[in-house]
């Protein structure tokens, strides 16, 4: 199992958590971790290509 966690960079407050099976790619959960008001988003290498995914368009 994996926990994908969205955290506010300025204050460190967790705003979203998604649990998935261990074989689910991290990049498939990026849309669930963003709330729409981000100016910048950071993630490790497993989130590369996130902008190319249809659920993240716009």
N, C-alpha and C. Protein backbone atom coordinates (compact mmCIF):
# COMPACT_ATOMS: atom_id res chain seq x y z
N UNK A 1 0.83 -1.17 0.00
CA UNK A 1 0.00 0.00 0.00
C UNK A 1 0.88 1.24 0.00
N UNK A 2 0.37 2.29 -0.66
CA UNK A 2 1.05 3.59 -0.68
C UNK A 2 0.11 4.65 -0.17
N UNK A 3 0.66 5.68 0.42
CA UNK A 3 -0.09 6.87 0.79
C UNK A 3 0.46 8.02 -0.03
N UNK A 4 -0.39 8.68 -0.79
CA UNK A 4 -0.03 9.86 -1.57
C UNK A 4 -0.56 11.05 -0.78
N UNK A 5 0.31 11.98 -0.41
CA UNK A 5 -0.06 13.05 0.51
C UNK A 5 0.19 14.40 -0.13
N UNK A 6 -0.83 15.26 -0.11
CA UNK A 6 -0.71 16.64 -0.58
C UNK A 6 -0.54 17.56 0.63
N UNK A 7 0.52 18.37 0.63
CA UNK A 7 0.85 19.21 1.77
C UNK A 7 1.02 20.65 1.31
N UNK A 8 0.49 21.59 2.07
CA UNK A 8 0.70 23.01 1.79
C UNK A 8 2.15 23.35 2.08
N UNK A 9 2.87 23.84 1.08
CA UNK A 9 4.30 24.09 1.21
C UNK A 9 4.60 25.22 2.21
N UNK A 10 3.73 26.20 2.31
CA UNK A 10 4.01 27.35 3.18
C UNK A 10 3.85 27.01 4.66
N UNK A 11 2.80 26.27 5.01
CA UNK A 11 2.53 26.03 6.42
C UNK A 11 2.68 24.57 6.84
N UNK A 12 2.87 23.68 5.88
CA UNK A 12 3.10 22.27 6.19
C UNK A 12 1.85 21.50 6.57
N UNK A 13 0.67 22.04 6.29
CA UNK A 13 -0.58 21.38 6.64
C UNK A 13 -0.98 20.39 5.54
N UNK A 14 -1.32 19.18 5.92
CA UNK A 14 -1.78 18.17 4.97
C UNK A 14 -3.20 18.52 4.55
N UNK A 15 -3.44 18.58 3.22
CA UNK A 15 -4.79 18.89 2.73
C UNK A 15 -5.42 17.74 1.98
N UNK A 16 -4.66 16.72 1.61
CA UNK A 16 -5.24 15.57 0.94
C UNK A 16 -4.37 14.34 1.13
N UNK A 17 -5.03 13.19 1.25
CA UNK A 17 -4.35 11.90 1.38
C UNK A 17 -5.11 10.90 0.54
N UNK A 18 -4.40 10.15 -0.29
CA UNK A 18 -5.00 9.10 -1.11
C UNK A 18 -4.22 7.82 -0.86
N UNK A 19 -4.93 6.75 -0.54
CA UNK A 19 -4.29 5.45 -0.37
C UNK A 19 -4.53 4.59 -1.60
N UNK A 20 -3.49 3.93 -2.09
CA UNK A 20 -3.60 3.06 -3.25
C UNK A 20 -2.81 1.78 -3.02
N UNK A 21 -3.02 0.82 -3.89
CA UNK A 21 -2.20 -0.39 -3.88
C UNK A 21 -0.76 -0.01 -4.25
N UNK A 22 0.17 -0.82 -3.85
CA UNK A 22 1.58 -0.52 -4.10
C UNK A 22 1.98 -0.48 -5.56
N UNK A 23 1.21 -1.14 -6.43
CA UNK A 23 1.58 -1.18 -7.84
C UNK A 23 0.97 -0.04 -8.66
N UNK A 24 0.29 0.89 -8.04
CA UNK A 24 -0.29 2.03 -8.74
C UNK A 24 0.78 3.11 -8.89
N UNK A 25 0.96 3.61 -10.11
CA UNK A 25 1.97 4.64 -10.36
C UNK A 25 1.60 5.95 -9.67
N UNK A 26 2.59 6.60 -9.09
CA UNK A 26 2.35 7.86 -8.38
C UNK A 26 1.73 8.92 -9.27
N UNK A 27 2.18 9.00 -10.51
CA UNK A 27 1.72 10.05 -11.42
C UNK A 27 0.21 9.96 -11.67
N UNK A 28 -0.39 8.80 -11.50
CA UNK A 28 -1.83 8.66 -11.72
C UNK A 28 -2.66 9.30 -10.62
N UNK A 29 -2.04 9.66 -9.51
CA UNK A 29 -2.77 10.23 -8.38
C UNK A 29 -2.51 11.73 -8.20
N UNK A 30 -1.73 12.33 -9.07
CA UNK A 30 -1.37 13.74 -8.92
C UNK A 30 -2.59 14.65 -8.89
N UNK A 31 -3.58 14.37 -9.72
CA UNK A 31 -4.78 15.22 -9.76
C UNK A 31 -5.52 15.22 -8.43
N UNK A 32 -5.45 14.15 -7.68
CA UNK A 32 -6.13 14.06 -6.39
C UNK A 32 -5.40 14.83 -5.29
N UNK A 33 -4.14 15.15 -5.52
CA UNK A 33 -3.34 15.83 -4.51
C UNK A 33 -3.31 17.34 -4.68
N UNK A 34 -3.81 17.83 -5.79
CA UNK A 34 -3.81 19.27 -6.06
C UNK A 34 -5.21 19.83 -5.86
N UNK A 35 -5.30 21.00 -5.23
CA UNK A 35 -6.61 21.59 -4.98
C UNK A 35 -6.96 22.72 -5.95
N UNK A 36 -6.03 23.09 -6.82
CA UNK A 36 -6.32 24.08 -7.85
C UNK A 36 -5.75 25.46 -7.61
N UNK A 37 -5.37 25.77 -6.39
CA UNK A 37 -4.84 27.08 -6.08
C UNK A 37 -3.33 27.14 -6.04
N UNK A 38 -2.67 26.09 -6.49
CA UNK A 38 -1.22 26.04 -6.42
C UNK A 38 -0.58 26.99 -7.41
N UNK A 39 0.50 27.61 -6.98
CA UNK A 39 1.34 28.41 -7.87
C UNK A 39 2.53 27.56 -8.30
N UNK A 40 2.96 26.68 -7.41
CA UNK A 40 4.05 25.76 -7.67
C UNK A 40 3.70 24.42 -7.03
N UNK A 41 4.11 23.36 -7.68
CA UNK A 41 3.91 22.01 -7.13
C UNK A 41 5.23 21.26 -7.22
N UNK A 42 5.56 20.54 -6.18
CA UNK A 42 6.81 19.78 -6.15
C UNK A 42 6.50 18.31 -5.93
N UNK A 43 7.30 17.47 -6.55
CA UNK A 43 7.17 16.03 -6.37
C UNK A 43 8.47 15.37 -6.77
N UNK A 44 8.60 14.10 -6.46
CA UNK A 44 9.82 13.41 -6.84
C UNK A 44 9.73 12.95 -8.29
N UNK A 45 10.71 12.20 -8.74
CA UNK A 45 10.82 11.80 -10.14
C UNK A 45 9.64 10.95 -10.61
N UNK A 46 8.93 10.32 -9.70
CA UNK A 46 7.79 9.48 -10.10
C UNK A 46 6.61 10.30 -10.63
N UNK A 47 6.65 11.61 -10.50
CA UNK A 47 5.59 12.48 -11.02
C UNK A 47 5.97 13.12 -12.36
N UNK A 48 7.08 12.73 -12.96
CA UNK A 48 7.46 13.28 -14.26
C UNK A 48 6.41 12.92 -15.29
N UNK A 49 6.09 13.86 -16.15
CA UNK A 49 5.09 13.65 -17.20
C UNK A 49 3.68 13.94 -16.74
N UNK A 50 3.52 14.48 -15.56
CA UNK A 50 2.19 14.74 -15.02
C UNK A 50 1.39 15.71 -15.90
N UNK A 51 2.05 16.65 -16.53
CA UNK A 51 1.35 17.63 -17.38
C UNK A 51 0.80 17.00 -18.65
N UNK A 52 1.31 15.85 -19.05
CA UNK A 52 0.85 15.20 -20.27
C UNK A 52 -0.39 14.34 -20.06
N UNK A 53 -0.76 14.09 -18.82
CA UNK A 53 -1.90 13.21 -18.54
C UNK A 53 -3.21 13.96 -18.71
N UNK A 54 -4.23 13.33 -19.32
CA UNK A 54 -5.49 14.01 -19.61
C UNK A 54 -6.23 14.51 -18.36
N UNK A 55 -6.13 13.83 -17.23
CA UNK A 55 -6.83 14.28 -16.04
C UNK A 55 -6.23 15.54 -15.44
N UNK A 56 -5.04 15.94 -15.91
CA UNK A 56 -4.38 17.14 -15.40
C UNK A 56 -4.41 18.29 -16.41
N UNK A 57 -5.14 18.15 -17.49
CA UNK A 57 -5.21 19.21 -18.51
C UNK A 57 -5.78 20.47 -17.90
N UNK A 58 -5.14 21.58 -18.20
CA UNK A 58 -5.61 22.87 -17.71
C UNK A 58 -4.98 23.20 -16.41
